[in-house]
Amino acid sequence: MEIMLNGLYIVATPIGNMGDISNRAIDTLKNVEFIICENPNHSRKLMSKLGIKKKLMPLHDYNEEEITKNYIRKIHKNPVALISDAGSPLISDPGYKLLQRCVKENFFVTTVPGASSIISALQLSGLPINDFVFVGFAPKSQKKLVDFLNPIISEQKTTVLFVSSHKIIQTLTVMSDLFPTRKVSVCKEMTKLNEKIFYGFPKEVLKALLSNK
């Protein structure tokens, strides 16, 4: 185990397959003072599988300023890990304000890299991945979804977005209207036993998803 410096360790966790967590990530989580996470109930299951017992501090959009204010000094004096529910932290996940404060205070900050759903999806997509843009989570309401997807019509780069499982059909339906001839890929349950990847035009992928239910 490398020497642990006081500061913030941004640790990637599996997006599905438990075998994807690195030895370095496990060692880091074992040796930090405590772990800042999105959902302690979710992270506790991961820690249990890894045989790790640590204090889990919840961090979400509604308490990030408070957590940053209350725990910034402890991060200065101890090694502390930041994890998300799955994959690499800070990508459409809380933690940016905390990281920003650590950088401002000139604390030690490092990454313990690992699984990323964005990179995995790009690799499996069958689409060009030498140049891409990531636009975050698709909104839930129909109007906001249309406004969100409209700019993609003229976007030349492969565009990556997150869509909740119960909104995939709605999103593909809108895509079918907005850009029917643009190739898309839907990547579900990546790295798990029931991993499924769908390719084609929006209507083709929509049809395949509906028949796969």
C-alpha atoms as a PDB file:
ATOM      1  CA  MET A   1       0.000   0.000   0.000  1.00  0.00           C
ATOM      2  CA  GLU A   2       1.333   3.404  -0.973  1.00  0.00           C
ATOM      3  CA  ILE A   3       1.683   6.098   1.683  1.00  0.00           C
ATOM      4  CA  MET A   4      -1.645   7.852   2.228  1.00  0.00           C
ATOM      5  CA  LEU A   5      -1.419  11.637   2.211  1.00  0.00           C
ATOM      6  CA  ASN A   6      -4.083  13.768   3.837  1.00  0.00           C
ATOM      7  CA  GLY A   7      -6.562  15.031   1.267  1.00  0.00           C
ATOM      8  CA  LEU A   8      -9.269  13.895  -1.133  1.00  0.00           C
ATOM      9  CA  TYR A   9      -9.120  10.599  -3.042  1.00  0.00           C
ATOM     10  CA  ILE A  10     -11.602  10.404  -5.930  1.00  0.00           C
ATOM     11  CA  VAL A  11     -12.200   6.661  -6.216  1.00  0.00           C
ATOM     12  CA  ALA A  12     -13.932   4.873  -9.097  1.00  0.00           C
ATOM     13  CA  THR A  13     -16.183   1.932  -8.198  1.00  0.00           C
ATOM     14  CA  PRO A  14     -17.710  -0.774 -10.451  1.00  0.00           C
ATOM     15  CA  ILE A  15     -20.600   0.063 -12.778  1.00  0.00           C
ATOM     16  CA  GLY A  16     -21.812  -3.513 -12.501  1.00  0.00           C
ATOM     17  CA  ASN A  17     -19.212  -6.265 -12.417  1.00  0.00           C
ATOM     18  CA  MET A  18     -17.476  -6.397  -9.036  1.00  0.00           C
ATOM     19  CA  GLY A  19     -14.319  -7.696 -10.679  1.00  0.00           C
ATOM     20  CA  ASP A  20     -13.730  -4.277 -12.216  1.00  0.00           C
ATOM     21  CA  ILE A  21     -12.642  -2.546  -9.006  1.00  0.00           C
ATOM     22  CA  SER A  22      -8.876  -2.143  -8.799  1.00  0.00           C
ATOM     23  CA  ASN A  23      -6.613  -3.323  -5.990  1.00  0.00           C
ATOM     24  CA  ARG A  24      -5.543   0.286  -5.519  1.00  0.00           C
ATOM     25  CA  ALA A  25      -9.160   1.386  -5.089  1.00  0.00           C
ATOM     26  CA  ILE A  26      -9.763  -1.318  -2.476  1.00  0.00           C
ATOM     27  CA  ASP A  27      -6.581  -0.400  -0.578  1.00  0.00           C
ATOM     28  CA  THR A  28      -7.531   3.273  -0.672  1.00  0.00           C
ATOM     29  CA  LEU A  29     -11.036   2.648   0.662  1.00  0.00           C
ATOM     30  CA  LYS A  30      -9.604   0.467   3.419  1.00  0.00           C
ATOM     31  CA  ASN A  31      -7.153   3.117   4.574  1.00  0.00           C
ATOM     32  CA  VAL A  32      -9.014   6.424   4.367  1.00  0.00           C
ATOM     33  CA  GLU A  33     -10.506   7.970   7.483  1.00  0.00           C
ATOM     34  CA  PHE A  34     -14.045   7.998   6.082  1.00  0.00           C
ATOM     35  CA  ILE A  35     -15.881   7.829   2.756  1.00  0.00           C
ATOM     36  CA  ILE A  36     -18.102  10.508   1.222  1.00  0.00           C
ATOM     37  CA  CYS A  37     -20.737   8.901  -0.992  1.00  0.00           C
ATOM     38  CA  GLU A  38     -24.048   9.582  -2.736  1.00  0.00           C
ATOM     39  CA  ASN A  39     -26.186   6.990  -0.997  1.00  0.00           C
ATOM     40  CA  PRO A  40     -24.844   5.242   2.138  1.00  0.00           C
ATOM     41  CA  ASN A  41     -27.348   2.381   1.775  1.00  0.00           C
ATOM     42  CA  HIS A  42     -26.045   1.667  -1.718  1.00  0.00           C
ATOM     43  CA  SER A  43     -22.375   2.125  -0.821  1.00  0.00           C
ATOM     44  CA  ARG A  44     -22.724   0.006   2.324  1.00  0.00           C
ATOM     45  CA  LYS A  45     -23.507  -3.007   0.122  1.00  0.00           C
ATOM     46  CA  LEU A  46     -20.330  -2.430  -1.867  1.00  0.00           C
ATOM     47  CA  MET A  47     -18.262  -2.006   1.303  1.00  0.00           C
ATOM     48  CA  SER A  48     -19.753  -5.208   2.716  1.00  0.00           C
ATOM     49  CA  LYS A  49     -18.729  -7.159  -0.401  1.00  0.00           C
ATOM     50  CA  LEU A  50     -15.221  -5.727  -0.067  1.00  0.00           C
ATOM     51  CA  GLY A  51     -15.039  -6.451   3.663  1.00  0.00           C
ATOM     52  CA  ILE A  52     -14.570  -2.767   4.490  1.00  0.00           C
ATOM     53  CA  LYS A  53     -16.085  -1.020   7.496  1.00  0.00           C
ATOM     54  CA  LYS A  54     -15.899   2.772   7.272  1.00  0.00           C
ATOM     55  CA  LYS A  55     -18.044   5.733   8.201  1.00  0.00           C
ATOM     56  CA  LEU A  56     -20.113   6.705   5.162  1.00  0.00           C
ATOM     57  CA  MET A  57     -21.022  10.365   4.800  1.00  0.00           C
ATOM     58  CA  PRO A  58     -23.901  11.125   2.374  1.00  0.00           C
ATOM     59  CA  LEU A  59     -23.358  13.880  -0.167  1.00  0.00           C
ATOM     60  CA  HIS A  60     -26.110  15.047  -2.501  1.00  0.00           C
ATOM     61  CA  ASP A  61     -27.321  18.197  -4.240  1.00  0.00           C
ATOM     62  CA  TYR A  62     -29.213  19.394  -1.163  1.00  0.00           C
ATOM     63  CA  ASN A  63     -26.447  19.091   1.441  1.00  0.00           C
ATOM     64  CA  GLU A  64     -23.213  19.579  -0.517  1.00  0.00           C
ATOM     65  CA  GLU A  65     -22.531  23.093   0.760  1.00  0.00           C
ATOM     66  CA  GLU A  66     -23.150  22.002   4.356  1.00  0.00           C
ATOM     67  CA  ILE A  67     -20.964  18.893   4.041  1.00  0.00           C
ATOM     68  CA  THR A  68     -18.205  20.925   2.390  1.00  0.00           C
ATOM     69  CA  LYS A  69     -18.316  23.499   5.186  1.00  0.00           C
ATOM     70  CA  ASN A  70     -18.413  20.936   8.003  1.00  0.00           C
ATOM     71  CA  TYR A  71     -15.853  18.452   6.693  1.00  0.00           C
ATOM     72  CA  ILE A  72     -13.299  20.496   4.785  1.00  0.00           C
ATOM     73  CA  ARG A  73     -10.969  20.712   7.800  1.00  0.00           C
ATOM     74  CA  LYS A  74     -11.170  16.953   8.351  1.00  0.00           C
ATOM     75  CA  ILE A  75     -10.134  16.419   4.730  1.00  0.00           C
ATOM     76  CA  HIS A  76      -7.170  18.710   5.356  1.00  0.00           C
ATOM     77  CA  LYS A  77      -6.076  16.551   8.299  1.00  0.00           C
ATOM     78  CA  ASN A  78      -7.042  13.070   7.039  1.00  0.00           C
ATOM     79  CA  PRO A  79      -7.162  11.000   3.863  1.00  0.00           C
ATOM     80  CA  VAL A  80     -10.804  10.927   2.729  1.00  0.00           C
ATOM     81  CA  ALA A  81     -12.406   9.113  -0.228  1.00  0.00           C
ATOM     82  CA  LEU A  82     -15.144  10.375  -2.531  1.00  0.00           C
ATOM     83  CA  ILE A  83     -17.177   7.745  -4.395  1.00  0.00           C
ATOM     84  CA  SER A  84     -20.386   7.761  -6.428  1.00  0.00           C
ATOM     85  CA  ASP A  85     -23.053   5.055  -6.557  1.00  0.00           C
ATOM     86  CA  ALA A  86     -21.249   3.532  -9.546  1.00  0.00           C
ATOM     87  CA  GLY A  87     -18.347   4.379 -11.827  1.00  0.00           C
ATOM     88  CA  SER A  88     -16.155   7.459 -11.770  1.00  0.00           C
ATOM     89  CA  PRO A  89     -17.279  10.236  -9.381  1.00  0.00           C
ATOM     90  CA  LEU A  90     -18.182  13.812 -10.362  1.00  0.00           C
ATOM     91  CA  ILE A  91     -19.655  12.952 -13.784  1.00  0.00           C
ATOM     92  CA  SER A  92     -23.274  14.086 -13.355  1.00  0.00           C
ATOM     93  CA  ASP A  93     -22.820  13.268  -9.668  1.00  0.00           C
ATOM     94  CA  PRO A  94     -22.505  15.534  -6.617  1.00  0.00           C
ATOM     95  CA  GLY A  95     -19.055  16.472  -5.326  1.00  0.00           C
ATOM     96  CA  TYR A  96     -17.951  19.355  -7.533  1.00  0.00           C
ATOM     97  CA  LYS A  97     -18.333  22.020  -4.821  1.00  0.00           C
ATOM     98  CA  LEU A  98     -16.352  19.871  -2.411  1.00  0.00           C
ATOM     99  CA  LEU A  99     -13.598  19.314  -4.977  1.00  0.00           C
ATOM    100  CA  GLN A 100     -13.558  23.005  -5.879  1.00  0.00           C
ATOM    101  CA  ARG A 101     -13.052  23.940  -2.233  1.00  0.00           C
ATOM    102  CA  CYS A 102     -10.227  21.402  -1.828  1.00  0.00           C
ATOM    103  CA  VAL A 103      -8.490  22.824  -4.891  1.00  0.00           C
ATOM    104  CA  LYS A 104      -8.983  26.382  -3.638  1.00  0.00           C
ATOM    105  CA  GLU A 105      -7.484  25.455  -0.258  1.00  0.00           C
ATOM    106  CA  ASN A 106      -4.562  23.769  -2.073  1.00  0.00           C
ATOM    107  CA  PHE A 107      -5.285  20.396  -0.472  1.00  0.00           C
ATOM    108  CA  PHE A 108      -3.855  17.191  -1.876  1.00  0.00           C
ATOM    109  CA  VAL A 109      -6.331  15.777  -4.428  1.00  0.00           C
ATOM    110  CA  THR A 110      -5.841  12.654  -6.533  1.00  0.00           C
ATOM    111  CA  THR A 111      -7.835  10.174  -8.577  1.00  0.00           C
ATOM    112  CA  VAL A 112      -7.976   6.416  -8.257  1.00  0.00           C
ATOM    113  CA  PRO A 113      -9.280   5.652 -11.758  1.00  0.00           C
ATOM    114  CA  GLY A 114     -11.442   2.763 -12.847  1.00  0.00           C
ATOM    115  CA  ALA A 115     -14.761   1.971 -14.496  1.00  0.00           C
ATOM    116  CA  SER A 116     -16.630   4.714 -16.380  1.00  0.00           C
ATOM    117  CA  SER A 117     -20.038   4.108 -17.934  1.00  0.00           C
ATOM    118  CA  ILE A 118     -19.364   6.836 -20.522  1.00  0.00           C
ATOM    119  CA  ILE A 119     -16.162   5.249 -21.812  1.00  0.00           C
ATOM    120  CA  SER A 120     -17.647   1.736 -21.713  1.00  0.00           C
ATOM    121  CA  ALA A 121     -20.724   2.857 -23.647  1.00  0.00           C
ATOM    122  CA  LEU A 122     -18.586   4.575 -26.275  1.00  0.00           C
ATOM    123  CA  GLN A 123     -16.476   1.452 -26.715  1.00  0.00           C
ATOM    124  CA  LEU A 124     -19.575  -0.684 -27.227  1.00  0.00           C
ATOM    125  CA  SER A 125     -21.612   1.810 -29.248  1.00  0.00           C
ATOM    126  CA  GLY A 126     -20.270   1.082 -32.723  1.00  0.00           C
ATOM    127  CA  LEU A 127     -20.155   4.853 -33.236  1.00  0.00           C
ATOM    128  CA  PRO A 128     -17.079   7.059 -33.833  1.00  0.00           C
ATOM    129  CA  ILE A 129     -15.391   7.741 -30.498  1.00  0.00           C
ATOM    130  CA  ASN A 130     -12.346   9.772 -31.516  1.00  0.00           C
ATOM    131  CA  ASP A 131     -14.396  12.934 -30.882  1.00  0.00           C
ATOM    132  CA  PHE A 132     -17.478  13.060 -28.655  1.00  0.00           C
ATOM    133  CA  VAL A 133     -19.523  15.269 -26.338  1.00  0.00           C
ATOM    134  CA  PHE A 134     -21.277  14.340 -23.105  1.00  0.00           C
ATOM    135  CA  VAL A 135     -24.479  16.210 -22.262  1.00  0.00           C
ATOM    136  CA  GLY A 136     -25.534  14.621 -18.970  1.00  0.00           C
ATOM    137  CA  PHE A 137     -28.956  13.324 -17.946  1.00  0.00           C
ATOM    138  CA  ALA A 138     -31.965  13.641 -20.236  1.00  0.00           C
ATOM    139  CA  PRO A 139     -34.789  15.552 -18.484  1.00  0.00           C
ATOM    140  CA  LYS A 140     -38.020  13.804 -17.581  1.00  0.00           C
ATOM    141  CA  SER A 141     -40.722  16.063 -19.007  1.00  0.00           C
ATOM    142  CA  GLN A 142     -41.616  15.818 -22.697  1.00  0.00           C
ATOM    143  CA  LYS A 143     -41.077  19.515 -23.446  1.00  0.00           C
ATOM    144  CA  LYS A 144     -37.750  19.701 -21.656  1.00  0.00           C
ATOM    145  CA  LEU A 145     -36.661  16.502 -23.365  1.00  0.00           C
ATOM    146  CA  VAL A 146     -37.397  17.958 -26.814  1.00  0.00           C
ATOM    147  CA  ASP A 147     -35.498  21.151 -25.939  1.00  0.00           C
ATOM    148  CA  PHE A 148     -32.628  19.042 -24.589  1.00  0.00           C
ATOM    149  CA  LEU A 149     -32.359  16.887 -27.721  1.00  0.00           C
ATOM    150  CA  ASN A 150     -32.855  19.640 -30.313  1.00  0.00           C
ATOM    151  CA  PRO A 151     -29.187  20.800 -30.341  1.00  0.00           C
ATOM    152  CA  ILE A 152     -28.086  17.240 -31.156  1.00  0.00           C
ATOM    153  CA  ILE A 153     -29.701  17.574 -34.599  1.00  0.00           C
ATOM    154  CA  SER A 154     -26.804  19.749 -35.780  1.00  0.00           C
ATOM    155  CA  GLU A 155     -24.106  18.162 -33.577  1.00  0.00           C
ATOM    156  CA  GLN A 156     -21.517  16.346 -35.714  1.00  0.00           C
ATOM    157  CA  LYS A 157     -19.784  14.605 -32.819  1.00  0.00           C
ATOM    158  CA  THR A 158     -20.972  11.409 -31.184  1.00  0.00           C
ATOM    159  CA  THR A 159     -23.180  12.552 -28.319  1.00  0.00           C
ATOM    160  CA  VAL A 160     -23.418  10.653 -25.035  1.00  0.00           C
ATOM    161  CA  LEU A 161     -26.322  11.079 -22.634  1.00  0.00           C
ATOM    162  CA  PHE A 162     -27.700   9.298 -19.597  1.00  0.00           C
ATOM    163  CA  VAL A 163     -31.334   8.160 -19.712  1.00  0.00           C
ATOM    164  CA  SER A 164     -33.151   6.497 -16.813  1.00  0.00           C
ATOM    165  CA  SER A 165     -34.409   2.999 -17.643  1.00  0.00           C
ATOM    166  CA  HIS A 166     -38.106   3.953 -17.546  1.00  0.00           C
ATOM    167  CA  LYS A 167     -37.528   6.900 -19.923  1.00  0.00           C
ATOM    168  CA  ILE A 168     -35.665   5.109 -22.728  1.00  0.00           C
ATOM    169  CA  ILE A 169     -38.809   4.447 -24.790  1.00  0.00           C
ATOM    170  CA  GLN A 170     -39.951   8.076 -24.482  1.00  0.00           C
ATOM    171  CA  THR A 171     -36.486   9.348 -25.409  1.00  0.00           C
ATOM    172  CA  LEU A 172     -36.165   7.117 -28.471  1.00  0.00           C
ATOM    173  CA  THR A 173     -39.641   8.135 -29.615  1.00  0.00           C
ATOM    174  CA  VAL A 174     -38.646  11.796 -29.522  1.00  0.00           C
ATOM    175  CA  MET A 175     -35.357  10.990 -31.245  1.00  0.00           C
ATOM    176  CA  SER A 176     -37.280   9.223 -34.015  1.00  0.00           C
ATOM    177  CA  ASP A 177     -39.093  12.483 -34.739  1.00  0.00           C
ATOM    178  CA  LEU A 178     -36.131  14.845 -34.351  1.00  0.00           C
ATOM    179  CA  PHE A 179     -33.364  12.921 -36.130  1.00  0.00           C
ATOM    180  CA  PRO A 180     -34.750   9.720 -37.710  1.00  0.00           C
ATOM    181  CA  THR A 181     -31.629   9.059 -39.818  1.00  0.00           C
ATOM    182  CA  ARG A 182     -29.024   9.529 -37.081  1.00  0.00           C
ATOM    183  CA  LYS A 183     -27.499   6.270 -35.830  1.00  0.00           C
ATOM    184  CA  VAL A 184     -27.918   5.638 -32.115  1.00  0.00           C
ATOM    185  CA  SER A 185     -26.836   3.022 -29.613  1.00  0.00           C
ATOM    186  CA  VAL A 186     -28.467   2.066 -26.324  1.00  0.00           C
ATOM    187  CA  CYS A 187     -26.216   0.340 -23.775  1.00  0.00           C
ATOM    188  CA  LYS A 188     -28.008  -1.364 -20.892  1.00  0.00           C
ATOM    189  CA  GLU A 189     -26.683  -3.199 -17.833  1.00  0.00           C
ATOM    190  CA  MET A 190     -23.089  -2.868 -18.987  1.00  0.00           C
ATOM    191  CA  THR A 191     -20.592  -5.373 -17.515  1.00  0.00           C
ATOM    192  CA  LYS A 192     -23.447  -7.408 -15.991  1.00  0.00           C
ATOM    193  CA  LEU A 193     -24.676 -10.850 -17.076  1.00  0.00           C
ATOM    194  CA  ASN A 194     -27.727  -9.357 -18.822  1.00  0.00           C
ATOM    195  CA  GLU A 195     -25.761  -6.681 -20.709  1.00  0.00           C
ATOM    196  CA  LYS A 196     -27.595  -5.619 -23.880  1.00  0.00           C
ATOM    197  CA  ILE A 197     -26.430  -3.274 -26.646  1.00  0.00           C
ATOM    198  CA  PHE A 198     -28.812  -2.039 -29.345  1.00  0.00           C
ATOM    199  CA  TYR A 199     -27.684  -0.346 -32.572  1.00  0.00           C
ATOM    200  CA  GLY A 200     -29.413   1.392 -35.479  1.00  0.00           C
ATOM    201  CA  PHE A 201     -31.693   4.281 -36.317  1.00  0.00           C
ATOM    202  CA  PRO A 202     -33.937   5.448 -33.439  1.00  0.00           C
ATOM    203  CA  LYS A 203     -37.023   3.603 -34.728  1.00  0.00           C
ATOM    204  CA  GLU A 204     -35.022   0.395 -35.222  1.00  0.00           C
ATOM    205  CA  VAL A 205     -33.604   0.540 -31.715  1.00  0.00           C
ATOM    206  CA  LEU A 206     -37.036   1.400 -30.314  1.00  0.00           C
ATOM    207  CA  LYS A 207     -38.547  -1.634 -32.041  1.00  0.00           C
ATOM    208  CA  ALA A 208     -35.734  -3.883 -30.788  1.00  0.00           C
ATOM    209  CA  LEU A 209     -36.139  -2.658 -27.213  1.00  0.00           C
ATOM    210  CA  LEU A 210     -39.903  -3.190 -27.261  1.00  0.00           C
ATOM    211  CA  SER A 211     -39.536  -6.715 -28.652  1.00  0.00           C
ATOM    212  CA  ASN A 212     -36.860  -7.469 -26.040  1.00  0.00           C
ATOM    213  CA  LYS A 213     -39.156  -6.724 -23.107  1.00  0.00           C
END
